Amino acid sequence: MITLYGIKNCDTVRKARKWLDEHNVDYQFHDFREDGLARERAASWLDALPWDTVVNKRSTSWKALAPAQRESMDKAAALEAILAQPTLVKRPLLDTGHELHCGFSAAQYQKIFGHHTL
């Protein structure tokens, strides 16, 4: 099962959802704010990807962290920060069941899903 993680009012998440819908990709949407985020799920992302790929260091949520917290960030600290503030996750996070991808671009999704025409 393909799952797209994010928040529904995020513009980038909207673009990703629109792309998936237009290309008839069957997926489930998981909204962090409505559906929460399980520790095991976030930990699995951080096991698969570097913490600074999963955490959006350009986000408002990142900038709101204390400077000391940002400077001392590592995998364990990233897990706790994400659980406390899921909007730190670079959105959308796409779980294809085999791979994880953070962020969205039409070219990236075209490559992931093997579509040759839009």
C-alpha atoms as a PDB file:
ATOM      1  CA  MET A   1       0.000   0.000   0.000  1.00  0.00           C
ATOM      2  CA  ILE A   2       1.314   3.421  -0.976  1.00  0.00           C
ATOM      3  CA  THR A   3       0.929   6.032   1.738  1.00  0.00           C
ATOM      4  CA  LEU A   4       1.408   9.767   1.437  1.00  0.00           C
ATOM      5  CA  TYR A   5       2.116  11.485   4.756  1.00  0.00           C
ATOM      6  CA  GLY A   6       1.646  15.192   5.370  1.00  0.00           C
ATOM      7  CA  ILE A   7      -0.927  17.787   6.313  1.00  0.00           C
ATOM      8  CA  LYS A   8      -3.830  18.557   4.049  1.00  0.00           C
ATOM      9  CA  ASN A   9      -3.391  22.335   4.026  1.00  0.00           C
ATOM     10  CA  CYS A  10       0.244  22.161   2.837  1.00  0.00           C
ATOM     11  CA  ASP A  11       0.596  23.401  -0.756  1.00  0.00           C
ATOM     12  CA  THR A  12       3.260  20.830  -1.626  1.00  0.00           C
ATOM     13  CA  VAL A  13       1.121  18.010  -0.250  1.00  0.00           C
ATOM     14  CA  ARG A  14      -1.790  19.281  -2.335  1.00  0.00           C
ATOM     15  CA  LYS A  15       0.379  19.205  -5.469  1.00  0.00           C
ATOM     16  CA  ALA A  16       1.509  15.656  -4.705  1.00  0.00           C
ATOM     17  CA  ARG A  17      -2.046  14.476  -4.071  1.00  0.00           C
ATOM     18  CA  LYS A  18      -3.229  16.108  -7.301  1.00  0.00           C
ATOM     19  CA  TRP A  19      -0.416  14.414  -9.240  1.00  0.00           C
ATOM     20  CA  LEU A  20      -1.214  11.013  -7.737  1.00  0.00           C
ATOM     21  CA  ASP A  21      -4.934  11.455  -8.458  1.00  0.00           C
ATOM     22  CA  GLU A  22      -4.327  12.586 -12.041  1.00  0.00           C
ATOM     23  CA  HIS A  23      -2.104   9.558 -12.648  1.00  0.00           C
ATOM     24  CA  ASN A  24      -4.562   7.115 -11.073  1.00  0.00           C
ATOM     25  CA  VAL A  25      -2.144   6.031  -8.364  1.00  0.00           C
ATOM     26  CA  ASP A  26      -3.928   4.174  -5.588  1.00  0.00           C
ATOM     27  CA  TYR A  27      -2.697   5.594  -2.292  1.00  0.00           C
ATOM     28  CA  GLN A  28      -3.767   6.342   1.237  1.00  0.00           C
ATOM     29  CA  PHE A  29      -3.334   9.828   2.696  1.00  0.00           C
ATOM     30  CA  HIS A  30      -2.215  10.104   6.313  1.00  0.00           C
ATOM     31  CA  ASP A  31      -2.639  13.562   7.847  1.00  0.00           C
ATOM     32  CA  PHE A  32      -0.274  14.104  10.770  1.00  0.00           C
ATOM     33  CA  ARG A  33      -2.646  16.514  12.452  1.00  0.00           C
ATOM     34  CA  GLU A  34      -5.742  14.322  12.169  1.00  0.00           C
ATOM     35  CA  ASP A  35      -4.237  10.834  12.278  1.00  0.00           C
ATOM     36  CA  GLY A  36      -1.219  11.425  14.507  1.00  0.00           C
ATOM     37  CA  LEU A  37       2.184   9.844  14.085  1.00  0.00           C
ATOM     38  CA  ALA A  38       3.286   6.626  15.745  1.00  0.00           C
ATOM     39  CA  ARG A  39       6.761   6.439  17.265  1.00  0.00           C
ATOM     40  CA  GLU A  40       7.473   3.215  15.368  1.00  0.00           C
ATOM     41  CA  ARG A  41       6.596   4.808  12.024  1.00  0.00           C
ATOM     42  CA  ALA A  42       8.768   7.893  12.584  1.00  0.00           C
ATOM     43  CA  ALA A  43      11.629   5.706  13.881  1.00  0.00           C
ATOM     44  CA  SER A  44      11.438   3.548  10.747  1.00  0.00           C
ATOM     45  CA  TRP A  45      11.798   6.654   8.568  1.00  0.00           C
ATOM     46  CA  LEU A  46      14.868   7.714  10.519  1.00  0.00           C
ATOM     47  CA  ASP A  47      16.314   4.213  10.192  1.00  0.00           C
ATOM     48  CA  ALA A  48      15.859   4.357   6.416  1.00  0.00           C
ATOM     49  CA  LEU A  49      16.845   7.967   5.739  1.00  0.00           C
ATOM     50  CA  PRO A  50      19.255  10.472   7.295  1.00  0.00           C
ATOM     51  CA  TRP A  51      17.534  12.622   9.922  1.00  0.00           C
ATOM     52  CA  ASP A  52      18.281  15.782   7.941  1.00  0.00           C
ATOM     53  CA  THR A  53      16.433  14.335   4.949  1.00  0.00           C
ATOM     54  CA  VAL A  54      13.329  13.599   7.024  1.00  0.00           C
ATOM     55  CA  VAL A  55      13.442  16.883   8.936  1.00  0.00           C
ATOM     56  CA  ASN A  56      12.699  20.000   6.905  1.00  0.00           C
ATOM     57  CA  LYS A  57      15.356  22.455   8.024  1.00  0.00           C
ATOM     58  CA  ARG A  58      13.706  25.244   6.003  1.00  0.00           C
ATOM     59  CA  SER A  59      10.339  24.912   7.744  1.00  0.00           C
ATOM     60  CA  THR A  60       8.754  27.320  10.164  1.00  0.00           C
ATOM     61  CA  SER A  61       8.657  24.482  12.695  1.00  0.00           C
ATOM     62  CA  TRP A  62      12.451  24.058  12.442  1.00  0.00           C
ATOM     63  CA  LYS A  63      13.047  27.787  12.826  1.00  0.00           C
ATOM     64  CA  ALA A  64      10.811  27.793  15.915  1.00  0.00           C
ATOM     65  CA  LEU A  65      13.087  25.308  17.702  1.00  0.00           C
ATOM     66  CA  ALA A  66      15.557  26.700  20.209  1.00  0.00           C
ATOM     67  CA  PRO A  67      18.987  27.302  18.632  1.00  0.00           C
ATOM     68  CA  ALA A  68      20.567  24.789  21.030  1.00  0.00           C
ATOM     69  CA  GLN A  69      18.033  22.158  19.966  1.00  0.00           C
ATOM     70  CA  ARG A  70      18.779  22.747  16.275  1.00  0.00           C
ATOM     71  CA  GLU A  71      22.549  22.657  16.828  1.00  0.00           C
ATOM     72  CA  SER A  72      22.480  19.409  18.810  1.00  0.00           C
ATOM     73  CA  MET A  73      20.058  17.615  16.475  1.00  0.00           C
ATOM     74  CA  ASP A  74      20.866  13.993  15.731  1.00  0.00           C
ATOM     75  CA  LYS A  75      18.776  10.913  14.893  1.00  0.00           C
ATOM     76  CA  ALA A  76      17.489  10.408  18.461  1.00  0.00           C
ATOM     77  CA  ALA A  77      16.727  14.096  18.954  1.00  0.00           C
ATOM     78  CA  ALA A  78      15.049  14.231  15.541  1.00  0.00           C
ATOM     79  CA  LEU A  79      12.716  11.396  16.547  1.00  0.00           C
ATOM     80  CA  GLU A  80      11.621  13.211  19.698  1.00  0.00           C
ATOM     81  CA  ALA A  81      11.256  16.512  17.835  1.00  0.00           C
ATOM     82  CA  ILE A  82       9.158  14.908  15.074  1.00  0.00           C
ATOM     83  CA  LEU A  83       6.890  13.214  17.600  1.00  0.00           C
ATOM     84  CA  ALA A  84       6.406  16.501  19.451  1.00  0.00           C
ATOM     85  CA  GLN A  85       5.935  18.487  16.229  1.00  0.00           C
ATOM     86  CA  PRO A  86       5.118  16.299  13.181  1.00  0.00           C
ATOM     87  CA  THR A  87       5.159  19.365  10.928  1.00  0.00           C
ATOM     88  CA  LEU A  88       8.973  19.118  11.124  1.00  0.00           C
ATOM     89  CA  VAL A  89       8.766  16.242   8.617  1.00  0.00           C
ATOM     90  CA  LYS A  90       9.663  17.313   5.108  1.00  0.00           C
ATOM     91  CA  ARG A  91       6.362  17.073   3.278  1.00  0.00           C
ATOM     92  CA  PRO A  92       5.066  15.120   1.718  1.00  0.00           C
ATOM     93  CA  LEU A  93       6.691  11.891   2.756  1.00  0.00           C
ATOM     94  CA  LEU A  94       5.813   9.156   0.276  1.00  0.00           C
ATOM     95  CA  ASP A  95       6.064   5.534   1.369  1.00  0.00           C
ATOM     96  CA  THR A  96       5.759   3.256  -1.664  1.00  0.00           C
ATOM     97  CA  GLY A  97       6.075   0.149   0.491  1.00  0.00           C
ATOM     98  CA  HIS A  98       9.621  -0.312  -0.846  1.00  0.00           C
ATOM     99  CA  GLU A  99      11.097   3.182  -0.708  1.00  0.00           C
ATOM    100  CA  LEU A 100      10.666   6.472   1.113  1.00  0.00           C
ATOM    101  CA  HIS A 101      10.765   9.834  -0.642  1.00  0.00           C
ATOM    102  CA  CYS A 102      10.612  13.280   0.974  1.00  0.00           C
ATOM    103  CA  GLY A 103       9.308  16.304  -0.858  1.00  0.00           C
ATOM    104  CA  PHE A 104       7.543  16.502  -4.198  1.00  0.00           C
ATOM    105  CA  SER A 105       8.327  17.252  -7.798  1.00  0.00           C
ATOM    106  CA  ALA A 106       6.368  15.995 -10.787  1.00  0.00           C
ATOM    107  CA  ALA A 107       9.583  14.705 -12.385  1.00  0.00           C
ATOM    108  CA  GLN A 108      10.479  12.775  -9.228  1.00  0.00           C
ATOM    109  CA  TYR A 109       7.026  11.164  -9.012  1.00  0.00           C
ATOM    110  CA  GLN A 110       7.061  10.366 -12.714  1.00  0.00           C
ATOM    111  CA  LYS A 111      10.328   8.510 -12.194  1.00  0.00           C
ATOM    112  CA  ILE A 112       9.064   6.729  -9.057  1.00  0.00           C
ATOM    113  CA  PHE A 113       5.896   5.506 -10.720  1.00  0.00           C
ATOM    114  CA  GLY A 114       7.401   4.824 -14.134  1.00  0.00           C
ATOM    115  CA  HIS A 115       5.069   7.063 -16.118  1.00  0.00           C
ATOM    116  CA  HIS A 116       6.500   8.190 -19.412  1.00  0.00           C
ATOM    117  CA  THR A 117       3.891  10.766 -20.306  1.00  0.00           C
ATOM    118  CA  LEU A 118       1.941  13.219 -18.226  1.00  0.00           C
END
